[in-house]
Amino acid sequence: MALRGDPLTIPEHIQMIIDKEKKEKPGNEEKIKSLHELKKTFTEKNDSTPADQHSG
C-alpha cells in the first residue's frame, strides 16, 4: 500500500476542526477561539518561512 501525501495545509486542517466544532458542539467558543489563534500562528509562520529558506 502506497502512502499518499495530505493535500491540506495545517491551517486548512485547523479550519476544518473549527467548522466541525461550530456545527457539532455549539457553545464551545473558548475552544474555537484557541483554534483560531493556533491557525493564525501557523499561517503567519508559513507566510514568512519560504522567504527565509530561499534567502540563503
C-alpha atoms as a PDB file:
ATOM      1  CA  MET A   1       0.000   0.000   0.000  1.00  0.00           C
ATOM      2  CA  ALA A   2       1.445   3.347  -1.019  1.00  0.00           C
ATOM      3  CA  LEU A   3       1.188   6.345   1.250  1.00  0.00           C
ATOM      4  CA  ARG A   4      -0.246   9.475  -0.246  1.00  0.00           C
ATOM      5  CA  GLY A   5       0.682  12.983   0.833  1.00  0.00           C
ATOM      6  CA  ASP A   6      -2.005  15.043   2.521  1.00  0.00           C
ATOM      7  CA  PRO A   7      -3.084  17.880   0.233  1.00  0.00           C
ATOM      8  CA  LEU A   8      -4.261  20.091   3.119  1.00  0.00           C
ATOM      9  CA  THR A   9      -2.040  22.508   4.995  1.00  0.00           C
ATOM     10  CA  ILE A  10      -2.039  22.728   8.788  1.00  0.00           C
ATOM     11  CA  PRO A  11      -4.162  25.927   8.756  1.00  0.00           C
ATOM     12  CA  GLU A  12      -6.660  24.166   6.472  1.00  0.00           C
ATOM     13  CA  HIS A  13      -6.874  21.234   8.882  1.00  0.00           C
ATOM     14  CA  ILE A  14      -7.400  23.632  11.780  1.00  0.00           C
ATOM     15  CA  GLN A  15     -10.192  25.378   9.840  1.00  0.00           C
ATOM     16  CA  MET A  16     -11.883  22.019   9.277  1.00  0.00           C
ATOM     17  CA  ILE A  17     -11.780  21.392  13.038  1.00  0.00           C
ATOM     18  CA  ILE A  18     -13.195  24.884  13.697  1.00  0.00           C
ATOM     19  CA  ASP A  19     -16.053  24.272  11.260  1.00  0.00           C
ATOM     20  CA  LYS A  20     -16.792  20.885  12.820  1.00  0.00           C
ATOM     21  CA  GLU A  21     -16.758  22.335  16.351  1.00  0.00           C
ATOM     22  CA  LYS A  22     -19.168  25.103  15.342  1.00  0.00           C
ATOM     23  CA  LYS A  23     -21.539  22.638  13.701  1.00  0.00           C
ATOM     24  CA  GLU A  24     -21.464  19.761  16.197  1.00  0.00           C
ATOM     25  CA  LYS A  25     -20.749  21.432  19.523  1.00  0.00           C
ATOM     26  CA  PRO A  26     -22.324  24.865  19.772  1.00  0.00           C
ATOM     27  CA  GLY A  27     -21.325  26.851  22.820  1.00  0.00           C
ATOM     28  CA  ASN A  28     -17.669  25.845  22.691  1.00  0.00           C
ATOM     29  CA  GLU A  29     -16.435  29.382  21.996  1.00  0.00           C
ATOM     30  CA  GLU A  30     -13.265  29.105  24.082  1.00  0.00           C
ATOM     31  CA  LYS A  31     -12.007  26.087  22.139  1.00  0.00           C
ATOM     32  CA  ILE A  32     -12.924  27.732  18.828  1.00  0.00           C
ATOM     33  CA  LYS A  33     -11.098  30.912  19.869  1.00  0.00           C
ATOM     34  CA  SER A  34      -7.995  28.873  20.705  1.00  0.00           C
ATOM     35  CA  LEU A  35      -8.172  27.100  17.353  1.00  0.00           C
ATOM     36  CA  HIS A  36      -8.401  30.464  15.548  1.00  0.00           C
ATOM     37  CA  GLU A  37      -5.287  31.650  17.415  1.00  0.00           C
ATOM     38  CA  LEU A  38      -3.445  28.438  16.521  1.00  0.00           C
ATOM     39  CA  LYS A  39      -4.437  28.811  12.868  1.00  0.00           C
ATOM     40  CA  LYS A  40      -3.224  32.420  12.863  1.00  0.00           C
ATOM     41  CA  THR A  41       0.120  31.344  14.341  1.00  0.00           C
ATOM     42  CA  PHE A  42       0.666  28.670  11.684  1.00  0.00           C
ATOM     43  CA  THR A  43      -0.453  30.994   8.889  1.00  0.00           C
ATOM     44  CA  GLU A  44       1.936  33.760   9.975  1.00  0.00           C
ATOM     45  CA  LYS A  45       4.795  31.277  10.419  1.00  0.00           C
ATOM     46  CA  ASN A  46       4.214  29.701   6.998  1.00  0.00           C
ATOM     47  CA  ASP A  47       3.947  33.095   5.305  1.00  0.00           C
ATOM     48  CA  SER A  48       7.459  34.018   6.499  1.00  0.00           C
ATOM     49  CA  THR A  49       9.112  30.607   6.014  1.00  0.00           C
ATOM     50  CA  PRO A  50       9.566  30.486   2.189  1.00  0.00           C
ATOM     51  CA  ALA A  51      11.384  33.833   2.050  1.00  0.00           C
ATOM     52  CA  ASP A  52      13.651  32.786   4.914  1.00  0.00           C
ATOM     53  CA  GLN A  53      14.505  29.474   3.241  1.00  0.00           C
ATOM     54  CA  HIS A  54      15.320  30.979  -0.166  1.00  0.00           C
ATOM     55  CA  SER A  55      17.374  33.926   1.045  1.00  0.00           C
ATOM     56  CA  GLY A  56      20.468  31.834   1.817  1.00  0.00           C
END
